[in-house]
Every structure is written in C-alpha cells, then in structure tokens.
Amino acid sequence: MKEEVSNTEQAILQAAEKKFIKKGFAGSKTTEIAKAAGVTHAMLHYYFRTKENLFNKVFEEKARLLSATYLSRVDDSLPFLDKVKASIESHFNLLIENPDLPLFIYREILVSANGEAVCRNTLFPNFKLAVKVLDESLKEEIAKGNIRPISAADLLISAVSLNVFVFIANPMIRLLAEENGEEYHQYLERRKQENIEIILSRLRK
C-alpha cells in the first residue's frame, strides 16, 4: 500500500512540475495537473490539499537541486584553479539537464511570496555556506600569491550569473547558435568553456 501511495504522489509531482515550469504558479490549474497525472482532482486534493502546497513541494525541490551545485564536491587533491573549473562545469551541466530551471526559479521568486520565502530558506543559506567554504581556499591562494584578490561572494556570483544567463536567454542563445551554423549542444559546450575561461582569467596572475 505504501508503494502505491508513493507512486501516486510521484505521478502528481511529476505532472505538477511540468505544468508549473511551463506556466508558473498563476497559470497552472490543479484540474490540468490531475488529468496529466492520471488521477482525479479529489485524489490530488487528498494528497496535497491545495495548489500552494503542491507548488511549494515542487519549487522547494527545484531550488534545492539548483542550490546544491553551489556546494558540489570536487576532488580535494586538485589544484585550486582546477577545482574552480570543475565546480563551474558541474553547475553548467546541471543546467543543461534542466534548462528551464533558472527561469522558473527566478520568475517565481519575483512574482510569488512563496518563491521569495523558498529563496530565503533554501537558496540563500546554501549560497552563504558556499561563500564561506570558498572564502577559506581563496584567502589561502591569495596569500600564497597564486591568484589575484577577489571576494568569495563576487567570484561565486560571477560564475553563477554567467552560467544562468545562457539558460534564461535560451531563445536568443538558440538563434545565435543557428546563426553561427552550430548545433545547439555544440554551442552550449563552447559557451561552458568560455565561461570557465572568463572566470579563470579573472583569477590568474
């Protein structure tokens, strides 16, 4: 019975995720979500009670997924600049797998009180922790004279914003790739390497 309940909830969540990401909270209807999940509207209400509860469940999970990349673990034996490169790649690769994620997160933060609360409770704490962890390594590398001075917050914001913009501006990026005669996936790979080089160039002495 437990497995059956879990499967039903999962089906609702998967359908809700697709609707919310495409239409946002305001544009999504629980009747459409229930139909896409293959359940009755009463069944959806039984599991999640309200559209707000369902949205919060989806949004929190997506915010957690995005913010987890700030804290992605890399091989500690790597030189510092290689660690930075690996972290940027990890973040970019997550966005390749979830291209609609950045626009969904930031759109809902702007228009929804729930989105702002999740940002405060999920995204920002992980960002602050990532800044703290990065700051220790940065200070050590700067003291050794290996890299140019920069604050951890500035470095992280620069790296994240470079990656995120590619996917928020997805329609324009696709047109650029087409104009350049590139496949979209080839353009993304080139853009990822360009973003890495921009950040590494800022750090190298």
N, C-alpha and C. Protein backbone atom coordinates (compact mmCIF):
# COMPACT_ATOMS: atom_id res chain seq x y z
N MET A 1 0.83 -1.21 0.00
CA MET A 1 0.00 0.00 0.00
C MET A 1 0.86 1.26 0.00
N LYS A 2 1.95 1.22 0.81
CA LYS A 2 2.85 2.38 0.86
C LYS A 2 3.42 2.70 -0.51
N GLU A 3 3.82 1.64 -1.24
CA GLU A 3 4.42 1.84 -2.57
C GLU A 3 3.40 2.46 -3.51
N GLU A 4 2.13 2.05 -3.39
CA GLU A 4 1.08 2.58 -4.24
C GLU A 4 0.87 4.08 -3.97
N VAL A 5 0.88 4.45 -2.69
CA VAL A 5 0.74 5.85 -2.31
C VAL A 5 1.91 6.66 -2.87
N SER A 6 3.11 6.14 -2.71
CA SER A 6 4.31 6.81 -3.19
C SER A 6 4.26 7.02 -4.70
N ASN A 7 3.82 6.01 -5.43
CA ASN A 7 3.73 6.11 -6.88
C ASN A 7 2.71 7.17 -7.30
N THR A 8 1.60 7.24 -6.59
CA THR A 8 0.56 8.23 -6.92
C THR A 8 1.08 9.65 -6.66
N GLU A 9 1.70 9.83 -5.52
CA GLU A 9 2.27 11.14 -5.20
C GLU A 9 3.32 11.54 -6.22
N GLN A 10 4.15 10.58 -6.61
CA GLN A 10 5.20 10.86 -7.58
C GLN A 10 4.62 11.26 -8.92
N ALA A 11 3.55 10.59 -9.33
CA ALA A 11 2.91 10.92 -10.60
C ALA A 11 2.34 12.33 -10.56
N ILE A 12 1.74 12.70 -9.44
CA ILE A 12 1.20 14.06 -9.30
C ILE A 12 2.31 15.09 -9.32
N LEU A 13 3.38 14.81 -8.59
CA LEU A 13 4.51 15.75 -8.53
C LEU A 13 5.16 15.93 -9.90
N GLN A 14 5.31 14.84 -10.64
CA GLN A 14 5.93 14.94 -11.97
C GLN A 14 5.06 15.76 -12.92
N ALA A 15 3.74 15.53 -12.87
CA ALA A 15 2.82 16.30 -13.71
C ALA A 15 2.82 17.77 -13.29
N ALA A 16 2.84 18.01 -11.98
CA ALA A 16 2.84 19.38 -11.47
C ALA A 16 4.11 20.11 -11.87
N GLU A 17 5.22 19.42 -11.81
CA GLU A 17 6.50 20.04 -12.19
C GLU A 17 6.45 20.54 -13.62
N LYS A 18 5.95 19.72 -14.52
CA LYS A 18 5.88 20.12 -15.94
C LYS A 18 4.98 21.33 -16.12
N LYS A 19 3.83 21.32 -15.45
CA LYS A 19 2.89 22.43 -15.59
C LYS A 19 3.43 23.72 -14.98
N PHE A 20 3.97 23.62 -13.76
CA PHE A 20 4.47 24.80 -13.08
C PHE A 20 5.66 25.42 -13.81
N ILE A 21 6.56 24.58 -14.30
CA ILE A 21 7.73 25.10 -15.01
C ILE A 21 7.31 25.79 -16.30
N LYS A 22 6.31 25.24 -16.97
CA LYS A 22 5.86 25.81 -18.24
C LYS A 22 4.99 27.05 -18.04
N LYS A 23 4.07 26.99 -17.08
CA LYS A 23 3.07 28.05 -16.94
C LYS A 23 3.21 28.90 -15.69
N GLY A 24 4.07 28.48 -14.76
CA GLY A 24 4.17 29.20 -13.50
C GLY A 24 3.03 28.84 -12.57
N PHE A 25 3.09 29.37 -11.34
CA PHE A 25 2.05 29.07 -10.36
C PHE A 25 0.69 29.59 -10.80
N ALA A 26 0.65 30.86 -11.21
CA ALA A 26 -0.62 31.50 -11.53
C ALA A 26 -1.31 30.85 -12.74
N GLY A 27 -0.52 30.42 -13.71
CA GLY A 27 -1.11 29.89 -14.94
C GLY A 27 -1.44 28.41 -14.91
N SER A 28 -1.11 27.73 -13.83
CA SER A 28 -1.34 26.28 -13.74
C SER A 28 -2.63 25.99 -12.97
N LYS A 29 -3.37 24.99 -13.43
CA LYS A 29 -4.62 24.59 -12.79
C LYS A 29 -4.49 23.18 -12.24
N THR A 30 -5.01 22.96 -11.04
CA THR A 30 -4.91 21.64 -10.43
C THR A 30 -5.71 20.60 -11.22
N THR A 31 -6.77 21.03 -11.90
CA THR A 31 -7.54 20.08 -12.73
C THR A 31 -6.68 19.55 -13.87
N GLU A 32 -5.87 20.43 -14.47
CA GLU A 32 -4.98 20.02 -15.56
C GLU A 32 -3.87 19.10 -15.03
N ILE A 33 -3.36 19.43 -13.84
CA ILE A 33 -2.30 18.61 -13.25
C ILE A 33 -2.83 17.21 -12.93
N ALA A 34 -4.03 17.14 -12.36
CA ALA A 34 -4.64 15.85 -12.03
C ALA A 34 -4.84 15.01 -13.29
N LYS A 35 -5.33 15.64 -14.34
CA LYS A 35 -5.55 14.92 -15.60
C LYS A 35 -4.24 14.40 -16.17
N ALA A 36 -3.19 15.23 -16.15
CA ALA A 36 -1.89 14.81 -16.67
C ALA A 36 -1.29 13.69 -15.83
N ALA A 37 -1.60 13.68 -14.53
CA ALA A 37 -1.07 12.63 -13.63
C ALA A 37 -1.89 11.35 -13.69
N GLY A 38 -3.06 11.41 -14.34
CA GLY A 38 -3.91 10.23 -14.43
C GLY A 38 -4.66 9.93 -13.15
N VAL A 39 -4.94 11.00 -12.37
CA VAL A 39 -5.70 10.82 -11.12
C VAL A 39 -6.88 11.79 -11.13
N THR A 40 -7.81 11.58 -10.21
CA THR A 40 -8.93 12.50 -10.08
C THR A 40 -8.50 13.76 -9.35
N HIS A 41 -9.27 14.81 -9.53
CA HIS A 41 -8.98 16.06 -8.82
C HIS A 41 -9.11 15.85 -7.31
N ALA A 42 -10.05 15.02 -6.92
CA ALA A 42 -10.22 14.72 -5.49
C ALA A 42 -8.99 14.01 -4.93
N MET A 43 -8.38 13.13 -5.75
CA MET A 43 -7.18 12.42 -5.31
C MET A 43 -6.02 13.40 -5.12
N LEU A 44 -5.87 14.33 -6.04
CA LEU A 44 -4.81 15.33 -5.90
C LEU A 44 -5.03 16.14 -4.62
N HIS A 45 -6.26 16.52 -4.38
CA HIS A 45 -6.57 17.29 -3.17
C HIS A 45 -6.28 16.48 -1.91
N TYR A 46 -6.56 15.18 -1.98
CA TYR A 46 -6.32 14.31 -0.82
C TYR A 46 -4.84 14.30 -0.43
N TYR A 47 -3.95 14.25 -1.43
CA TYR A 47 -2.52 14.16 -1.15
C TYR A 47 -1.90 15.52 -0.81
N PHE A 48 -2.35 16.58 -1.46
CA PHE A 48 -1.65 17.86 -1.30
C PHE A 48 -2.51 19.01 -0.78
N ARG A 49 -3.81 18.79 -0.68
CA ARG A 49 -4.75 19.77 -0.11
C ARG A 49 -4.95 21.00 -0.99
N THR A 50 -3.89 21.73 -1.27
CA THR A 50 -4.04 22.97 -2.03
C THR A 50 -2.98 23.05 -3.14
N LYS A 51 -3.24 23.93 -4.09
CA LYS A 51 -2.26 24.17 -5.15
C LYS A 51 -0.98 24.76 -4.57
N GLU A 52 -1.13 25.59 -3.53
CA GLU A 52 0.03 26.20 -2.89
C GLU A 52 0.95 25.12 -2.30
N ASN A 53 0.36 24.13 -1.63
CA ASN A 53 1.16 23.05 -1.04
C ASN A 53 1.90 22.27 -2.12
N LEU A 54 1.21 22.00 -3.22
CA LEU A 54 1.81 21.24 -4.32
C LEU A 54 2.94 22.05 -4.97
N PHE A 55 2.67 23.34 -5.20
CA PHE A 55 3.69 24.19 -5.79
C PHE A 55 4.92 24.28 -4.89
N ASN A 56 4.69 24.48 -3.60
CA ASN A 56 5.81 24.60 -2.67
C ASN A 56 6.68 23.35 -2.68
N LYS A 57 6.05 22.20 -2.77
CA LYS A 57 6.79 20.94 -2.81
C LYS A 57 7.70 20.89 -4.04
N VAL A 58 7.15 21.25 -5.20
CA VAL A 58 7.91 21.25 -6.45
C VAL A 58 9.01 22.32 -6.41
N PHE A 59 8.64 23.51 -5.99
CA PHE A 59 9.57 24.64 -6.01
C PHE A 59 10.74 24.41 -5.05
N GLU A 60 10.44 23.92 -3.87
CA GLU A 60 11.50 23.67 -2.89
C GLU A 60 12.49 22.63 -3.40
N GLU A 61 11.97 21.60 -4.06
CA GLU A 61 12.85 20.56 -4.59
C GLU A 61 13.75 21.11 -5.69
N LYS A 62 13.18 21.94 -6.56
CA LYS A 62 13.97 22.52 -7.65
C LYS A 62 14.98 23.54 -7.12
N ALA A 63 14.58 24.31 -6.13
CA ALA A 63 15.51 25.26 -5.52
C ALA A 63 16.65 24.53 -4.83
N ARG A 64 16.33 23.42 -4.19
CA ARG A 64 17.35 22.61 -3.52
C ARG A 64 18.32 22.02 -4.54
N LEU A 65 17.78 21.56 -5.66
CA LEU A 65 18.61 21.00 -6.72
C LEU A 65 19.57 22.04 -7.26
N LEU A 66 19.07 23.24 -7.51
CA LEU A 66 19.91 24.31 -8.04
C LEU A 66 20.97 24.74 -7.04
N SER A 67 20.54 24.93 -5.78
CA SER A 67 21.48 25.43 -4.79
C SER A 67 22.53 24.39 -4.40
N ALA A 68 22.22 23.12 -4.59
CA ALA A 68 23.18 22.07 -4.25
C ALA A 68 24.45 22.18 -5.09
N THR A 69 24.33 22.75 -6.29
CA THR A 69 25.52 22.86 -7.15
C THR A 69 26.50 23.90 -6.60
N TYR A 70 26.03 24.82 -5.76
CA TYR A 70 26.95 25.76 -5.14
C TYR A 70 27.93 25.02 -4.24
N LEU A 71 27.46 23.88 -3.72
CA LEU A 71 28.25 23.13 -2.74
C LEU A 71 28.77 21.82 -3.31
N SER A 72 28.79 21.70 -4.63
CA SER A 72 29.22 20.44 -5.25
C SER A 72 30.66 20.12 -4.84
N ARG A 73 30.86 18.88 -4.47
CA ARG A 73 32.18 18.43 -4.04
C ARG A 73 33.07 18.14 -5.23
N VAL A 74 34.32 18.56 -5.15
CA VAL A 74 35.29 18.24 -6.19
C VAL A 74 36.49 17.59 -5.50
N ASP A 75 37.32 16.99 -6.30
CA ASP A 75 38.50 16.29 -5.78
C ASP A 75 39.41 17.28 -5.04
N ASP A 76 39.57 17.06 -3.73
CA ASP A 76 40.39 17.98 -2.91
C ASP A 76 41.86 17.98 -3.31
N SER A 77 42.29 16.95 -4.02
CA SER A 77 43.71 16.89 -4.40
C SER A 77 44.01 17.77 -5.62
N LEU A 78 42.97 18.27 -6.28
CA LEU A 78 43.17 19.10 -7.46
C LEU A 78 43.73 20.47 -7.09
N PRO A 79 44.52 21.07 -7.98
CA PRO A 79 44.93 22.47 -7.77
C PRO A 79 43.70 23.37 -7.72
N PHE A 80 43.84 24.53 -7.07
CA PHE A 80 42.69 25.40 -6.82
C PHE A 80 41.95 25.77 -8.12
N LEU A 81 42.67 26.18 -9.14
CA LEU A 81 42.00 26.59 -10.38
C LEU A 81 41.27 25.43 -11.05
N ASP A 82 41.79 24.23 -10.90
CA ASP A 82 41.10 23.05 -11.43
C ASP A 82 39.81 22.78 -10.66
N LYS A 83 39.83 23.06 -9.36
CA LYS A 83 38.61 22.92 -8.56
C LYS A 83 37.54 23.91 -9.03
N VAL A 84 37.97 25.14 -9.28
CA VAL A 84 37.04 26.16 -9.77
C VAL A 84 36.44 25.71 -11.10
N LYS A 85 37.29 25.23 -11.99
CA LYS A 85 36.83 24.74 -13.29
C LYS A 85 35.81 23.62 -13.13
N ALA A 86 36.09 22.66 -12.26
CA ALA A 86 35.19 21.52 -12.05
C ALA A 86 33.85 21.98 -11.49
N SER A 87 33.86 22.95 -10.60
CA SER A 87 32.63 23.46 -9.99
C SER A 87 31.76 24.17 -11.02
N ILE A 88 32.38 24.99 -11.87
CA ILE A 88 31.62 25.70 -12.91
C ILE A 88 31.02 24.69 -13.89
N GLU A 89 31.79 23.68 -14.25
CA GLU A 89 31.30 22.63 -15.15
C GLU A 89 30.11 21.90 -14.53
N SER A 90 30.20 21.57 -13.25
CA SER A 90 29.12 20.87 -12.56
C SER A 90 27.84 21.68 -12.59
N HIS A 91 27.95 22.97 -12.32
CA HIS A 91 26.78 23.85 -12.32
C HIS A 91 26.19 23.96 -13.72
N PHE A 92 27.04 24.15 -14.72
CA PHE A 92 26.57 24.30 -16.10
C PHE A 92 25.91 23.01 -16.58
N ASN A 93 26.51 21.87 -16.24
CA ASN A 93 25.95 20.58 -16.67
C ASN A 93 24.58 20.32 -16.06
N LEU A 94 24.38 20.75 -14.81
CA LEU A 94 23.06 20.62 -14.20
C LEU A 94 22.04 21.43 -14.98
N LEU A 95 22.44 22.63 -15.43
CA LEU A 95 21.53 23.49 -16.17
C LEU A 95 21.25 22.92 -17.57
N ILE A 96 22.21 22.25 -18.16
CA ILE A 96 21.97 21.58 -19.44
C ILE A 96 20.88 20.52 -19.27
N GLU A 97 20.93 19.79 -18.16
CA GLU A 97 19.95 18.75 -17.88
C GLU A 97 18.59 19.33 -17.48
N ASN A 98 18.60 20.57 -16.97
CA ASN A 98 17.36 21.22 -16.51
C ASN A 98 17.30 22.65 -17.06
N PRO A 99 17.19 22.80 -18.38
CA PRO A 99 17.33 24.13 -19.00
C PRO A 99 16.27 25.15 -18.60
N ASP A 100 15.09 24.67 -18.18
CA ASP A 100 14.02 25.60 -17.80
C ASP A 100 14.09 25.99 -16.33
N LEU A 101 15.01 25.38 -15.60
CA LEU A 101 15.08 25.58 -14.15
C LEU A 101 15.38 27.02 -13.74
N PRO A 102 16.41 27.67 -14.30
CA PRO A 102 16.73 29.04 -13.84
C PRO A 102 15.57 30.02 -14.02
N LEU A 103 14.94 30.00 -15.21
CA LEU A 103 13.85 30.94 -15.46
C LEU A 103 12.68 30.66 -14.53
N PHE A 104 12.38 29.38 -14.30
CA PHE A 104 11.31 29.01 -13.39
C PHE A 104 11.58 29.54 -11.99
N ILE A 105 12.78 29.30 -11.47
CA ILE A 105 13.13 29.72 -10.12
C ILE A 105 13.05 31.24 -9.99
N TYR A 106 13.71 31.96 -10.88
CA TYR A 106 13.78 33.41 -10.73
C TYR A 106 12.47 34.10 -11.06
N ARG A 107 11.70 33.54 -11.98
CA ARG A 107 10.38 34.11 -12.26
C ARG A 107 9.48 34.01 -11.04
N GLU A 108 9.46 32.86 -10.41
CA GLU A 108 8.59 32.67 -9.25
C GLU A 108 9.07 33.45 -8.03
N ILE A 109 10.39 33.65 -7.90
CA ILE A 109 10.90 34.49 -6.82
C ILE A 109 10.38 35.93 -6.98
N LEU A 110 10.32 36.39 -8.24
CA LEU A 110 9.89 37.76 -8.50
C LEU A 110 8.40 37.96 -8.27
N VAL A 111 7.58 36.95 -8.64
CA VAL A 111 6.13 37.16 -8.64
C VAL A 111 5.41 36.49 -7.47
N SER A 112 6.10 35.64 -6.71
CA SER A 112 5.41 34.86 -5.69
C SER A 112 6.05 35.06 -4.32
N ALA A 113 5.20 35.29 -3.33
CA ALA A 113 5.69 35.38 -1.96
C ALA A 113 6.27 34.05 -1.52
N ASN A 114 5.66 32.95 -1.97
CA ASN A 114 6.18 31.62 -1.65
C ASN A 114 7.58 31.43 -2.23
N GLY A 115 7.78 31.91 -3.47
CA GLY A 115 9.08 31.80 -4.11
C GLY A 115 10.14 32.58 -3.36
N GLU A 116 9.77 33.76 -2.89
CA GLU A 116 10.73 34.57 -2.13
C GLU A 116 11.10 33.87 -0.82
N ALA A 117 10.12 33.24 -0.19
CA ALA A 117 10.38 32.54 1.07
C ALA A 117 11.32 31.36 0.86
N VAL A 118 11.10 30.63 -0.22
CA VAL A 118 11.97 29.48 -0.51
C VAL A 118 13.38 29.96 -0.82
N CYS A 119 13.49 31.08 -1.51
CA CYS A 119 14.81 31.67 -1.79
C CYS A 119 15.53 31.97 -0.47
N ARG A 120 14.79 32.56 0.46
CA ARG A 120 15.37 32.92 1.75
C ARG A 120 15.76 31.68 2.56
N ASN A 121 14.94 30.63 2.47
CA ASN A 121 15.14 29.45 3.32
C ASN A 121 16.01 28.37 2.69
N THR A 122 16.11 28.34 1.37
CA THR A 122 16.83 27.25 0.69
C THR A 122 18.02 27.75 -0.12
N LEU A 123 17.76 28.65 -1.06
CA LEU A 123 18.84 29.10 -1.95
C LEU A 123 19.89 29.91 -1.20
N PHE A 124 19.44 30.91 -0.45
CA PHE A 124 20.40 31.83 0.18
C PHE A 124 21.27 31.16 1.24
N PRO A 125 20.73 30.29 2.12
CA PRO A 125 21.61 29.62 3.09
C PRO A 125 22.71 28.79 2.42
N ASN A 126 22.37 28.07 1.34
CA ASN A 126 23.38 27.29 0.63
C ASN A 126 24.40 28.19 -0.04
N PHE A 127 23.93 29.33 -0.56
CA PHE A 127 24.85 30.27 -1.19
C PHE A 127 25.83 30.82 -0.15
N LYS A 128 25.32 31.18 1.03
CA LYS A 128 26.18 31.71 2.10
C LYS A 128 27.20 30.67 2.56
N LEU A 129 26.75 29.42 2.65
CA LEU A 129 27.66 28.35 3.06
C LEU A 129 28.75 28.15 2.01
N ALA A 130 28.35 28.21 0.73
CA ALA A 130 29.33 28.05 -0.35
C ALA A 130 30.35 29.19 -0.32
N VAL A 131 29.88 30.40 -0.05
CA VAL A 131 30.78 31.56 0.07
C VAL A 131 31.78 31.33 1.20
N LYS A 132 31.29 30.83 2.32
CA LYS A 132 32.16 30.60 3.47
C LYS A 132 33.24 29.56 3.16
N VAL A 133 32.83 28.45 2.52
CA VAL A 133 33.77 27.39 2.17
C VAL A 133 34.80 27.90 1.15
N LEU A 134 34.32 28.61 0.14
CA LEU A 134 35.20 29.13 -0.91
C LEU A 134 36.16 30.17 -0.35
N ASP A 135 35.69 30.98 0.59
CA ASP A 135 36.50 32.06 1.16
C ASP A 135 37.79 31.54 1.79
N GLU A 136 37.71 30.40 2.44
CA GLU A 136 38.89 29.82 3.09
C GLU A 136 39.97 29.48 2.06
N SER A 137 39.55 28.84 0.98
CA SER A 137 40.50 28.47 -0.08
C SER A 137 41.06 29.70 -0.78
N LEU A 138 40.17 30.67 -1.05
CA LEU A 138 40.60 31.89 -1.73
C LEU A 138 41.67 32.63 -0.93
N LYS A 139 41.43 32.81 0.35
CA LYS A 139 42.40 33.54 1.19
C LYS A 139 43.76 32.85 1.18
N GLU A 140 43.74 31.53 1.21
CA GLU A 140 44.99 30.76 1.20
C GLU A 140 45.73 30.96 -0.11
N GLU A 141 45.00 30.89 -1.23
CA GLU A 141 45.62 31.04 -2.55
C GLU A 141 46.12 32.47 -2.77
N ILE A 142 45.35 33.45 -2.29
CA ILE A 142 45.76 34.85 -2.43
C ILE A 142 47.01 35.12 -1.61
N ALA A 143 47.05 34.58 -0.38
CA ALA A 143 48.21 34.77 0.50
C ALA A 143 49.48 34.17 -0.10
N LYS A 144 49.32 33.06 -0.83
CA LYS A 144 50.47 32.42 -1.48
C LYS A 144 50.88 33.15 -2.75
N GLY A 145 50.06 34.09 -3.19
CA GLY A 145 50.38 34.82 -4.42
C GLY A 145 50.02 34.05 -5.67
N ASN A 146 49.15 33.03 -5.54
CA ASN A 146 48.80 32.19 -6.70
C ASN A 146 47.72 32.80 -7.58
N ILE A 147 46.86 33.63 -6.98
CA ILE A 147 45.76 34.22 -7.74
C ILE A 147 45.60 35.68 -7.35
N ARG A 148 44.85 36.40 -8.18
CA ARG A 148 44.57 37.79 -7.88
C ARG A 148 43.47 37.90 -6.82
N PRO A 149 43.50 38.95 -6.00
CA PRO A 149 42.49 39.11 -4.95
C PRO A 149 41.08 39.25 -5.52
N ILE A 150 40.13 38.60 -4.88
CA ILE A 150 38.71 38.72 -5.20
C ILE A 150 37.93 38.17 -4.01
N SER A 151 36.76 38.71 -3.74
CA SER A 151 35.96 38.17 -2.65
C SER A 151 35.26 36.89 -3.11
N ALA A 152 34.99 36.01 -2.16
CA ALA A 152 34.32 34.75 -2.49
C ALA A 152 32.93 35.00 -3.06
N ALA A 153 32.22 35.97 -2.48
CA ALA A 153 30.86 36.27 -2.96
C ALA A 153 30.90 36.77 -4.40
N ASP A 154 31.85 37.65 -4.72
CA ASP A 154 31.95 38.16 -6.09
C ASP A 154 32.29 37.05 -7.08
N LEU A 155 33.20 36.17 -6.68
CA LEU A 155 33.60 35.07 -7.56
C LEU A 155 32.42 34.14 -7.83
N LEU A 156 31.69 33.80 -6.79
CA LEU A 156 30.56 32.88 -6.94
C LEU A 156 29.44 33.50 -7.76
N ILE A 157 29.13 34.76 -7.48
CA ILE A 157 28.08 35.45 -8.23
C ILE A 157 28.45 35.56 -9.71
N SER A 158 29.71 35.86 -10.00
CA SER A 158 30.16 35.96 -11.40
C SER A 158 29.99 34.63 -12.12
N ALA A 159 30.43 33.55 -11.48
CA ALA A 159 30.37 32.23 -12.12
C ALA A 159 28.93 31.78 -12.33
N VAL A 160 28.10 31.95 -11.29
CA VAL A 160 26.70 31.52 -11.38
C VAL A 160 25.94 32.34 -12.41
N SER A 161 26.14 33.67 -12.40
CA SER A 161 25.40 34.52 -13.33
C SER A 161 25.78 34.26 -14.78
N LEU A 162 27.05 34.00 -15.04
CA LEU A 162 27.47 33.67 -16.41
C LEU A 162 26.75 32.41 -16.91
N ASN A 163 26.69 31.40 -16.06
CA ASN A 163 26.03 30.14 -16.46
C ASN A 163 24.53 30.31 -16.60
N VAL A 164 23.92 30.96 -15.61
CA VAL A 164 22.46 31.07 -15.59
C VAL A 164 21.94 31.88 -16.77
N PHE A 165 22.66 32.93 -17.16
CA PHE A 165 22.17 33.78 -18.25
C PHE A 165 21.97 32.99 -19.54
N VAL A 166 22.85 32.03 -19.79
CA VAL A 166 22.74 31.23 -21.02
C VAL A 166 21.37 30.56 -21.12
N PHE A 167 20.82 30.16 -19.99
CA PHE A 167 19.56 29.42 -20.00
C PHE A 167 18.35 30.31 -19.81
N ILE A 168 18.52 31.44 -19.13
CA ILE A 168 17.43 32.41 -19.05
C ILE A 168 17.19 33.03 -20.43
N ALA A 169 18.27 33.22 -21.17
CA ALA A 169 18.18 33.80 -22.52
C ALA A 169 18.15 32.70 -23.58
N ASN A 170 17.57 31.57 -23.24
CA ASN A 170 17.61 30.39 -24.11
C ASN A 170 17.14 30.63 -25.55
N PRO A 171 16.00 31.31 -25.77
CA PRO A 171 15.56 31.53 -27.16
C PRO A 171 16.59 32.30 -27.98
N MET A 172 17.18 33.34 -27.37
CA MET A 172 18.19 34.14 -28.08
C MET A 172 19.45 33.30 -28.34
N ILE A 173 19.83 32.48 -27.35
CA ILE A 173 21.01 31.64 -27.50
C ILE A 173 20.83 30.63 -28.63
N ARG A 174 19.64 30.08 -28.73
CA ARG A 174 19.37 29.12 -29.82
C ARG A 174 19.49 29.80 -31.19
N LEU A 175 19.01 31.03 -31.27
CA LEU A 175 19.12 31.77 -32.53
C LEU A 175 20.57 32.08 -32.86
N LEU A 176 21.35 32.43 -31.84
CA LEU A 176 22.77 32.69 -32.05
C LEU A 176 23.49 31.45 -32.56
N ALA A 177 23.17 30.31 -31.96
CA ALA A 177 23.79 29.06 -32.38
C ALA A 177 23.44 28.77 -33.84
N GLU A 178 22.18 28.97 -34.17
CA GLU A 178 21.71 28.72 -35.55
C GLU A 178 22.42 29.64 -36.53
N GLU A 179 22.56 30.91 -36.12
CA GLU A 179 23.22 31.91 -36.98
C GLU A 179 24.69 31.56 -37.20
N ASN A 180 25.30 30.98 -36.17
CA ASN A 180 26.71 30.59 -36.27
C ASN A 180 26.89 29.26 -36.99
N GLY A 181 25.79 28.63 -37.35
CA GLY A 181 25.87 27.34 -38.03
C GLY A 181 26.28 26.21 -37.10
N GLU A 182 25.96 26.36 -35.81
CA GLU A 182 26.32 25.34 -34.83
C GLU A 182 25.07 24.59 -34.36
N GLU A 183 25.28 23.34 -33.98
CA GLU A 183 24.23 22.64 -33.25
C GLU A 183 24.12 23.26 -31.87
N TYR A 184 22.92 23.25 -31.31
CA TYR A 184 22.70 23.89 -30.01
C TYR A 184 23.61 23.29 -28.93
N HIS A 185 23.74 21.96 -28.91
CA HIS A 185 24.57 21.32 -27.89
C HIS A 185 26.04 21.68 -28.06
N GLN A 186 26.46 21.90 -29.31
CA GLN A 186 27.85 22.32 -29.55
C GLN A 186 28.07 23.73 -29.01
N TYR A 187 27.07 24.60 -29.22
CA TYR A 187 27.17 25.96 -28.72
C TYR A 187 27.25 25.96 -27.19
N LEU A 188 26.42 25.13 -26.56
CA LEU A 188 26.43 25.08 -25.10
C LEU A 188 27.79 24.64 -24.57
N GLU A 189 28.38 23.66 -25.20
CA GLU A 189 29.69 23.20 -24.77
C GLU A 189 30.74 24.30 -24.92
N ARG A 190 30.68 25.01 -26.03
CA ARG A 190 31.62 26.11 -26.25
C ARG A 190 31.39 27.23 -25.25
N ARG A 191 30.11 27.51 -24.96
CA ARG A 191 29.78 28.56 -24.00
C ARG A 191 30.26 28.19 -22.60
N LYS A 192 30.13 26.91 -22.26
CA LYS A 192 30.60 26.45 -20.95
C LYS A 192 32.09 26.69 -20.80
N GLN A 193 32.86 26.33 -21.82
CA GLN A 193 34.31 26.53 -21.77
C GLN A 193 34.66 28.01 -21.74
N GLU A 194 33.88 28.83 -22.44
CA GLU A 194 34.11 30.28 -22.44
C GLU A 194 33.87 30.85 -21.04
N ASN A 195 32.80 30.41 -20.40
CA ASN A 195 32.51 30.89 -19.05
C ASN A 195 33.63 30.51 -18.08
N ILE A 196 34.12 29.29 -18.22
CA ILE A 196 35.23 28.84 -17.37
C ILE A 196 36.45 29.72 -17.59
N GLU A 197 36.76 30.01 -18.85
CA GLU A 197 37.95 30.81 -19.16
C GLU A 197 37.81 32.23 -18.64
N ILE A 198 36.61 32.80 -18.70
CA ILE A 198 36.39 34.15 -18.18
C ILE A 198 36.72 34.21 -16.69
N ILE A 199 36.23 33.22 -15.95
CA ILE A 199 36.47 33.19 -14.50
C ILE A 199 37.94 32.91 -14.19
N LEU A 200 38.54 31.95 -14.89
CA LEU A 200 39.94 31.63 -14.63
C LEU A 200 40.85 32.79 -14.99
N SER A 201 40.51 33.51 -16.04
CA SER A 201 41.32 34.68 -16.45
C SER A 201 41.26 35.77 -15.38
N ARG A 202 40.12 35.88 -14.72
CA ARG A 202 39.99 36.86 -13.62
C ARG A 202 40.88 36.48 -12.44
N LEU A 203 41.12 35.19 -12.27
CA LEU A 203 41.88 34.72 -11.11
C LEU A 203 43.37 34.64 -11.36
N ARG A 204 43.76 34.30 -12.60
CA ARG A 204 45.19 34.11 -12.88
C ARG A 204 45.96 35.41 -12.73
N LYS A 205 47.19 35.31 -12.28
CA LYS A 205 48.05 36.49 -12.13
C LYS A 205 48.81 36.75 -13.43
